Each structure stands twice: as structure tokens, then as C-alpha cells.
Amino acid sequence: MSSFSIGVDLGGTNLRVGAFTSKFERIGLSTTPTRVFAGPEAVARDMCDEIVKLMRSCADSRTLQGIGVGSPGPLELPAGRLGAPPNLPGFEGFELKQTLENMLQLPVHVEHDSNAAALAECHSGSGKEHHETSMCMLTLGTGVGAGLVLDGRVWHGMNGMAGEAGHIPVEPRGPRCSCGGRGCLELYASASGIHRMATELASAGNSPAIFSVLDHDASTILALAGLADRGDAQACEVFCQAGRSLGAALAGLVNVLNLPLYVIGGGVANAWHLFAPAMMEELTELSYVYRLTRPNPSTGSSNGTAAGRGTTRVVPALLGSDAGLMGAAMLPYAN
């Protein structure tokens, strides 16, 4: 019999559970609201109920390889213990892995959601397209997540906290971040960061057009992008600032990691055409490693002349919102 796996994408708004074949073709999906204010035990029970439904629907023709869960961080690994996720209030210290295994009486692989998305992009998305098995992925959503994949496997660091690129300071005298630092990338390149910058412009009376489209959900970014596409100078500047901040963070990552591929995903990445020019300009100015290894526009190979020098590419993600779910389903095969 062929095998299948269950992947879970635990979000602050929605809980997505999917069944995938061993070739990571989706064969089942359920989406339910995440009942955050009912508490972590209730959310875990909802998760298990959906997992069991999918297991039963697939088990007649396939054997279960395992269950993987992508969770917001901070997350202590391999224990699968939550820190204090901003979008999951009341979940601090929750033993996610242990609770799920007790409820299901099955092993469960728990991973940071950004790592899960990076794993999927590496094996089935941008990494596959560019024939690379080592990459860094930045996910621009409500916050900025990041995942590192080295030689096809997630790099966790000492205790599972590697890849917190959203908290690289890009403006040392910038506003205070929820992490306790100042001027973090997340304050400029996430959906909430872009909303913050737009709100400041509108509150100062500098942009009546932005004020007219401000909201408090994802539609704000779409509306701002629409303004920028129509030539609104202030909306364009918001995305340029996001791009410059991304470029500064990428410069540090490229200089330190020297990986061949950096992938930008998440909802904000849909505005790639608005922030990418400023991002690439800043990256080129600040990273000598990138200048030595950037692709030659005419050949696609490295601009460098030293023998054996590889090429550094920065590209948009390919898998969209399914990356985290697919990556979670890959975990039982990767462990």
C-alpha cells in the first residue's frame, strides 16, 4: 500500500489540516477557526478531531506515515513546547507535542511554521526549480518568520530558535518591537509593520488617500498596493521602506550564511513588484558577498570571476499559502 501523511498548519485565525500522498499531492483538507480564547486544550482537541477524520478517510487505501504540525513560535524543540506566541494568547508554556501525542496515542512531529514552509519551498517550490537544497526563506505575514534549510534539512540551532530573522534590527533607533528590541525587520516588512507605517503617515495628515483605505486586516495591504499601483507617492514610499528594510536584513544574512537561495513568501510577497526594486538596491549596496555572486542578467550565472564561485539568488516563493501545510506533512518523511 502507498503511504500518506497528515499536515497541520496552526494559525492564530484558522486551523488547517491536510492529508498528502508520499509525493505531497493533497488528497484531503479541512479548515476550521482556531478557538484561541477557548484555550490550548480545546484547540488541541479540535486539531485531533480533524486529524482523525482525515486519517479515517484515507486509511482504507494507504498507510499512515505520520503526523506533522507547523506552529507559530517561539517554540522549544524537540520538546514541542510553546513559548509565548503573539497570535496565541494564553498558550505560553503549552506542551503542544506531548498533548497531541497523549490525545492521539501516536507520534507527532512539531516544527516552527516558518521552518515547515521553508522545507516545502526547498523540496517542492523554489528550491526544486533552482536545483538547490540549501536556502533561507523569509515569510512576510502578520509578522516576519524565517526558516533555514541546509542540505535538505531544517537547521534548528541550539534549541529550535534558529532563523529569527524577523527580529534582525534594521533601524537601531526605530520603534520598540514586541520582542523587546528596537527597529526589527518585522516592524517594517510584515503586514502589521506596513499597516503601522501607513497609519503614521495618515495620522500626520500626509496622505488622505492612505487614510481612506486604512483597515485592520489583510485587505489593508491589498488596498495600499492598489494605491501604489495607481501612482500614490506615499503608498509607494511605504513599500519602498519595506523593501529597504528587507534589503538590509538580507545583506546581513547573505554575508553571514553565503547560501545560494533566499526565498520571500507570505501574503506581503504578493506586492513583490512594489518592494523588490528597493530591496535589491539596498542588498546590492550593503552586501559585498551579493555583489560578487549576484546573477548576471544576460547569463543567469554569477557575476564573479573566481573559479567555482556560485550564484546568490533572491526570488519570490512559489507555493503560496499551502507551503506551511505541505511542509508540515513532509515532517514525518524527513525525520
Protein backbone atom coordinates (compact mmCIF):
# COMPACT_ATOMS: atom_id res chain seq x y z
CA MET A 1 0.00 0.00 0.00
CA SER A 2 1.13 3.57 -0.68
CA SER A 3 1.55 5.92 2.26
CA PHE A 4 0.11 9.28 3.28
CA SER A 5 0.81 11.86 5.94
CA ILE A 6 -1.20 14.45 7.82
CA GLY A 7 -0.01 18.05 7.99
CA VAL A 8 -1.39 20.68 10.36
CA ASP A 9 -0.97 24.44 9.99
CA LEU A 10 -1.81 26.03 13.35
CA GLY A 11 -2.59 29.71 12.90
CA GLY A 12 -3.97 32.40 15.14
CA THR A 13 -7.10 32.67 12.98
CA ASN A 14 -7.52 29.34 11.20
CA LEU A 15 -6.57 25.73 11.82
CA ARG A 16 -5.82 23.88 8.57
CA VAL A 17 -5.37 20.12 8.42
CA GLY A 18 -4.42 18.35 5.20
CA ALA A 19 -3.71 14.80 4.02
CA PHE A 20 -0.94 14.34 1.45
CA THR A 21 0.38 11.43 -0.59
CA SER A 22 4.05 10.46 -0.38
CA LYS A 23 4.56 12.70 -3.46
CA PHE A 24 2.91 15.55 -1.50
CA GLU A 25 -0.23 15.74 -3.57
CA ARG A 26 -3.07 16.94 -1.35
CA ILE A 27 -5.89 14.40 -1.01
CA GLY A 28 -7.88 15.96 1.83
CA LEU A 29 -8.29 19.30 3.59
CA SER A 30 -10.26 20.78 6.45
CA THR A 31 -10.22 24.37 7.67
CA THR A 32 -11.78 25.47 10.95
CA PRO A 33 -11.49 28.60 13.08
CA THR A 34 -8.81 28.45 15.76
CA ARG A 35 -10.73 28.78 19.04
CA VAL A 36 -7.88 30.65 20.72
CA PHE A 37 -9.96 32.00 23.58
CA ALA A 38 -11.30 28.55 24.42
CA GLY A 39 -7.75 27.72 25.48
CA PRO A 40 -4.93 25.49 24.23
CA GLU A 41 -6.51 22.20 25.29
CA ALA A 42 -9.65 22.98 23.26
CA VAL A 43 -7.58 23.91 20.21
CA ALA A 44 -5.56 20.69 20.57
CA ARG A 45 -8.80 18.71 20.76
CA ASP A 46 -10.14 20.42 17.62
CA MET A 47 -6.88 19.60 15.89
CA CYS A 48 -7.08 15.94 16.87
CA ASP A 49 -10.72 15.68 15.76
CA GLU A 50 -9.82 16.92 12.27
CA ILE A 51 -6.72 14.70 12.11
CA VAL A 52 -8.77 11.61 12.98
CA LYS A 53 -11.40 12.42 10.34
CA LEU A 54 -8.75 12.66 7.63
CA MET A 55 -6.96 9.55 8.84
CA ARG A 56 -10.17 7.55 8.60
CA SER A 57 -10.97 8.84 5.12
CA CYS A 58 -7.53 7.88 3.77
CA ALA A 59 -6.65 4.74 5.72
CA ASP A 60 -8.57 2.29 3.50
CA SER A 61 -6.18 2.67 0.57
CA ARG A 62 -2.99 3.99 2.21
CA THR A 63 -0.88 3.53 5.32
CA LEU A 64 -0.18 6.47 7.63
CA GLN A 65 3.43 7.64 7.53
CA GLY A 66 2.93 10.13 10.35
CA ILE A 67 1.60 13.47 11.54
CA GLY A 68 3.37 16.82 11.36
CA VAL A 69 2.37 20.15 12.89
CA GLY A 70 3.61 23.62 11.97
CA SER A 71 3.17 26.01 14.90
CA PRO A 72 3.88 29.69 15.47
CA GLY A 73 6.94 30.42 17.58
CA PRO A 74 8.69 30.90 19.82
CA LEU A 75 8.85 27.14 20.05
CA GLU A 76 11.22 24.98 22.04
CA LEU A 77 12.38 21.97 20.05
CA PRO A 78 12.47 19.00 20.04
CA ALA A 79 10.12 19.17 23.05
CA GLY A 80 7.43 20.95 21.01
CA ARG A 81 6.75 23.38 23.84
CA LEU A 82 5.33 26.80 23.00
CA GLY A 83 6.87 29.99 24.31
CA ALA A 84 4.51 32.97 24.16
CA PRO A 85 3.20 33.19 20.55
CA PRO A 86 1.83 36.72 19.95
CA ASN A 87 -1.17 35.40 17.99
CA LEU A 88 -1.97 32.64 20.52
CA PRO A 89 -2.53 34.42 23.84
CA GLY A 90 -2.78 32.04 26.77
CA PHE A 91 -0.64 29.35 25.10
CA GLU A 92 2.60 30.23 26.88
CA GLY A 93 4.38 27.08 28.02
CA PHE A 94 1.80 24.79 26.39
CA GLU A 95 3.15 21.28 25.77
CA LEU A 96 1.83 21.00 22.21
CA LYS A 97 3.65 17.85 21.11
CA GLN A 98 3.04 15.94 24.34
CA THR A 99 -0.65 16.92 24.46
CA LEU A 100 -1.29 15.85 20.87
CA GLU A 101 0.54 12.55 21.33
CA ASN A 102 -1.45 11.83 24.50
CA MET A 103 -4.73 12.54 22.73
CA LEU A 104 -3.94 10.63 19.53
CA GLN A 105 -1.75 7.89 21.01
CA LEU A 106 0.52 8.40 18.00
CA PRO A 107 3.88 10.14 17.46
CA VAL A 108 3.61 13.76 16.31
CA HIS A 109 6.37 15.84 14.71
CA VAL A 110 6.17 19.52 15.72
CA GLU A 111 8.03 22.22 13.85
CA HIS A 112 8.10 26.01 13.66
CA ASP A 113 5.65 27.05 10.92
CA SER A 114 8.31 29.09 9.11
CA ASN A 115 10.63 26.08 9.04
CA ALA A 116 7.82 23.93 7.66
CA ALA A 117 7.16 26.45 4.88
CA ALA A 118 10.88 26.62 4.08
CA LEU A 119 11.09 22.82 3.90
CA ALA A 120 8.23 22.71 1.40
CA GLU A 121 9.67 25.51 -0.73
CA CYS A 122 13.03 23.75 -0.75
CA HIS A 123 11.73 20.38 -1.92
CA SER A 124 8.65 21.31 -3.96
CA GLY A 125 8.92 25.02 -4.74
CA SER A 126 11.72 27.49 -5.43
CA GLY A 127 14.47 25.15 -4.24
CA LYS A 128 13.31 22.47 -6.66
CA GLU A 129 13.04 24.99 -9.51
CA HIS A 130 16.59 26.28 -8.95
CA HIS A 131 18.04 22.84 -8.08
CA GLU A 132 19.14 23.96 -4.62
CA THR A 133 18.87 22.04 -1.34
CA SER A 134 20.13 24.84 0.92
CA MET A 135 18.16 28.07 1.32
CA CYS A 136 16.76 30.71 3.65
CA MET A 137 13.10 31.66 3.49
CA LEU A 138 11.53 34.84 4.86
CA THR A 139 7.76 34.71 5.34
CA LEU A 140 6.09 38.13 5.34
CA GLY A 141 2.76 37.69 7.08
CA THR A 142 1.33 39.26 10.23
CA GLY A 143 4.95 39.10 11.43
CA VAL A 144 8.14 38.05 9.67
CA GLY A 145 9.09 34.41 10.04
CA ALA A 146 12.18 32.71 8.72
CA GLY A 147 13.39 29.18 8.10
CA LEU A 148 16.80 27.75 7.24
CA VAL A 149 17.24 24.56 5.24
CA LEU A 150 20.76 23.17 4.87
CA ASP A 151 21.37 20.18 2.59
CA GLY A 152 17.64 19.48 2.54
CA ARG A 153 17.12 19.51 6.32
CA VAL A 154 15.85 22.21 8.65
CA TRP A 155 18.56 23.87 10.72
CA HIS A 156 17.20 24.39 14.25
CA GLY A 157 20.15 25.86 16.10
CA MET A 158 20.82 25.04 19.75
CA ASN A 159 17.22 24.82 20.98
CA GLY A 160 14.98 25.34 17.97
CA MET A 161 15.20 29.13 17.78
CA ALA A 162 17.44 29.48 14.72
CA GLY A 163 16.13 31.72 11.97
CA GLU A 164 14.51 34.54 13.95
CA ALA A 165 15.31 36.92 11.08
CA GLY A 166 12.17 38.94 11.72
CA HIS A 167 13.96 40.36 14.74
CA ILE A 168 17.12 41.45 12.99
CA PRO A 169 17.38 45.18 13.84
CA VAL A 170 17.34 47.24 10.65
CA GLU A 171 16.73 50.64 12.30
CA PRO A 172 18.68 50.72 15.61
CA ARG A 173 16.80 53.82 16.83
CA GLY A 174 13.48 52.60 15.48
CA PRO A 175 10.30 51.87 17.44
CA ARG A 176 10.13 49.27 20.17
CA CYS A 177 9.26 45.76 18.97
CA SER A 178 7.11 43.21 20.80
CA CYS A 179 10.26 41.11 21.22
CA GLY A 180 11.77 43.85 23.40
CA GLY A 181 14.22 45.09 20.80
CA ARG A 182 14.10 48.16 18.59
CA GLY A 183 13.71 48.66 14.86
CA CYS A 184 13.26 44.98 14.00
CA LEU A 185 12.62 43.91 10.40
CA GLU A 186 9.12 42.81 11.45
CA LEU A 187 8.22 46.44 12.18
CA TYR A 188 8.78 47.38 8.53
CA ALA A 189 8.28 44.35 6.26
CA SER A 190 5.34 42.48 7.81
CA ALA A 191 1.67 43.20 7.12
CA SER A 192 1.36 44.75 10.58
CA GLY A 193 4.52 46.79 10.01
CA ILE A 194 3.28 48.14 6.69
CA HIS A 195 -0.04 48.96 8.37
CA ARG A 196 1.87 50.79 11.14
CA MET A 197 3.87 52.92 8.69
CA ALA A 198 0.75 53.73 6.67
CA THR A 199 -1.16 54.68 9.82
CA GLU A 200 1.62 57.04 10.89
CA LEU A 201 1.50 58.79 7.52
CA ALA A 202 -2.28 59.08 7.64
CA SER A 203 -2.31 60.30 11.25
CA ALA A 204 0.18 63.03 10.36
CA GLY A 205 -2.19 64.22 7.66
CA ASN A 206 0.37 63.50 4.96
CA SER A 207 -1.77 61.12 2.95
CA PRO A 208 -5.56 61.48 2.76
CA ALA A 209 -5.61 58.65 0.21
CA ILE A 210 -3.99 56.22 2.63
CA PHE A 211 -6.32 57.34 5.43
CA SER A 212 -9.30 56.48 3.25
CA VAL A 213 -8.24 52.83 2.81
CA LEU A 214 -6.90 52.02 6.27
CA ASP A 215 -8.42 48.97 7.89
CA HIS A 216 -7.19 46.41 10.40
CA ASP A 217 -6.96 43.24 8.31
CA ALA A 218 -5.19 41.84 5.29
CA SER A 219 -7.32 43.94 2.94
CA THR A 220 -5.28 46.97 4.04
CA ILE A 221 -2.21 45.67 2.24
CA LEU A 222 -4.21 44.97 -0.92
CA ALA A 223 -5.71 48.46 -0.80
CA LEU A 224 -2.32 50.10 -0.19
CA ALA A 225 -0.83 48.10 -3.04
CA GLY A 226 -3.66 49.30 -5.26
CA LEU A 227 -2.89 52.91 -4.32
CA ALA A 228 0.79 52.40 -5.07
CA ASP A 229 -0.04 50.80 -8.42
CA ARG A 230 -2.05 53.91 -9.26
CA GLY A 231 0.97 56.10 -8.50
CA ASP A 232 0.23 57.39 -4.99
CA ALA A 233 3.64 58.64 -3.80
CA GLN A 234 3.07 57.99 -0.09
CA ALA A 235 1.83 54.43 -0.65
CA CYS A 236 4.84 53.79 -2.89
CA GLU A 237 7.13 55.07 -0.15
CA VAL A 238 5.64 52.65 2.39
CA PHE A 239 6.51 49.69 0.15
CA CYS A 240 9.93 51.16 -0.64
CA GLN A 241 10.66 51.38 3.09
CA ALA A 242 9.60 47.76 3.48
CA GLY A 243 11.94 46.88 0.61
CA ARG A 244 14.89 48.80 2.02
CA SER A 245 14.44 47.10 5.38
CA LEU A 246 14.30 43.68 3.73
CA GLY A 247 17.42 44.52 1.73
CA ALA A 248 19.32 45.48 4.88
CA ALA A 249 18.32 42.26 6.64
CA LEU A 250 19.15 40.17 3.56
CA ALA A 251 22.56 41.81 3.34
CA GLY A 252 23.42 40.51 6.80
CA LEU A 253 22.03 37.06 6.02
CA VAL A 254 23.90 36.82 2.71
CA ASN A 255 27.18 37.98 4.26
CA VAL A 256 26.92 35.54 7.16
CA LEU A 257 25.29 32.48 5.56
CA ASN A 258 26.52 32.61 1.94
CA LEU A 259 23.61 30.41 0.82
CA PRO A 260 22.68 30.08 -2.85
CA LEU A 261 18.98 30.88 -2.46
CA TYR A 262 16.84 33.32 -0.44
CA VAL A 263 13.08 32.98 -0.87
CA ILE A 264 10.47 35.62 0.06
CA GLY A 265 6.97 34.32 0.80
CA GLY A 266 3.84 35.19 2.78
CA GLY A 267 0.94 37.45 1.91
CA VAL A 268 3.02 40.62 1.61
CA ALA A 269 5.11 38.94 -1.09
CA ASN A 270 2.14 39.45 -3.44
CA ALA A 271 3.35 43.07 -3.60
CA TRP A 272 6.80 41.89 -4.82
CA HIS A 273 6.81 44.36 -7.73
CA LEU A 274 6.38 47.24 -5.29
CA PHE A 275 9.12 46.43 -2.76
CA ALA A 276 11.61 44.28 -4.67
CA PRO A 277 13.41 47.11 -6.54
CA ALA A 278 14.26 48.91 -3.29
CA MET A 279 15.11 45.59 -1.63
CA MET A 280 17.58 44.61 -4.35
CA GLU A 281 19.13 48.08 -4.46
CA GLU A 282 19.74 48.03 -0.70
CA LEU A 283 21.04 44.46 -0.75
CA THR A 284 23.46 45.28 -3.55
CA GLU A 285 24.77 48.35 -1.75
CA LEU A 286 25.21 46.69 1.65
CA SER A 287 26.44 43.18 0.81
CA TYR A 288 29.78 42.73 -0.92
CA VAL A 289 29.13 38.96 -0.97
CA TYR A 290 26.00 39.58 -3.01
CA ARG A 291 27.82 41.94 -5.36
CA LEU A 292 30.40 39.22 -6.01
CA THR A 293 27.85 36.45 -6.56
CA ARG A 294 24.70 38.08 -7.94
CA PRO A 295 23.29 36.65 -11.17
CA ASN A 296 24.48 38.11 -14.44
CA PRO A 297 21.31 39.40 -16.18
CA SER A 298 22.49 38.08 -19.55
CA THR A 299 23.62 34.61 -18.49
CA GLY A 300 21.99 33.93 -15.10
CA SER A 301 25.35 32.82 -13.73
CA SER A 302 27.48 34.57 -11.11
CA ASN A 303 28.97 37.97 -11.88
CA GLY A 304 32.13 36.85 -10.08
CA THR A 305 35.20 35.63 -11.89
CA ALA A 306 36.76 33.30 -9.31
CA ALA A 307 36.65 29.62 -10.29
CA GLY A 308 33.85 27.68 -8.62
CA ARG A 309 32.03 30.75 -7.34
CA GLY A 310 28.29 30.11 -7.05
CA THR A 311 25.36 32.44 -7.60
CA THR A 312 23.20 34.10 -4.93
CA ARG A 313 19.54 34.35 -5.92
CA VAL A 314 16.68 36.20 -4.18
CA VAL A 315 13.32 35.05 -5.53
CA PRO A 316 9.60 35.02 -4.63
CA ALA A 317 8.12 31.83 -3.17
CA LEU A 318 6.13 29.54 -5.45
CA LEU A 319 3.80 27.56 -3.16
CA GLY A 320 1.71 30.36 -1.69
CA SER A 321 -0.43 29.68 1.37
CA ASP A 322 -0.03 25.89 1.04
CA ALA A 323 3.69 25.96 1.90
CA GLY A 324 3.29 25.64 5.67
CA LEU A 325 0.69 22.88 5.40
CA MET A 326 2.71 20.91 2.86
CA GLY A 327 5.89 21.35 4.90
CA ALA A 328 4.16 20.00 7.99
CA ALA A 329 3.13 16.93 6.00
CA MET A 330 6.76 16.44 4.94
CA LEU A 331 7.98 16.22 8.54
CA PRO A 332 7.17 12.51 9.06
CA TYR A 333 9.17 11.69 5.92
CA ALA A 334 12.08 13.93 6.90
CA ASN A 335 12.54 12.51 10.41
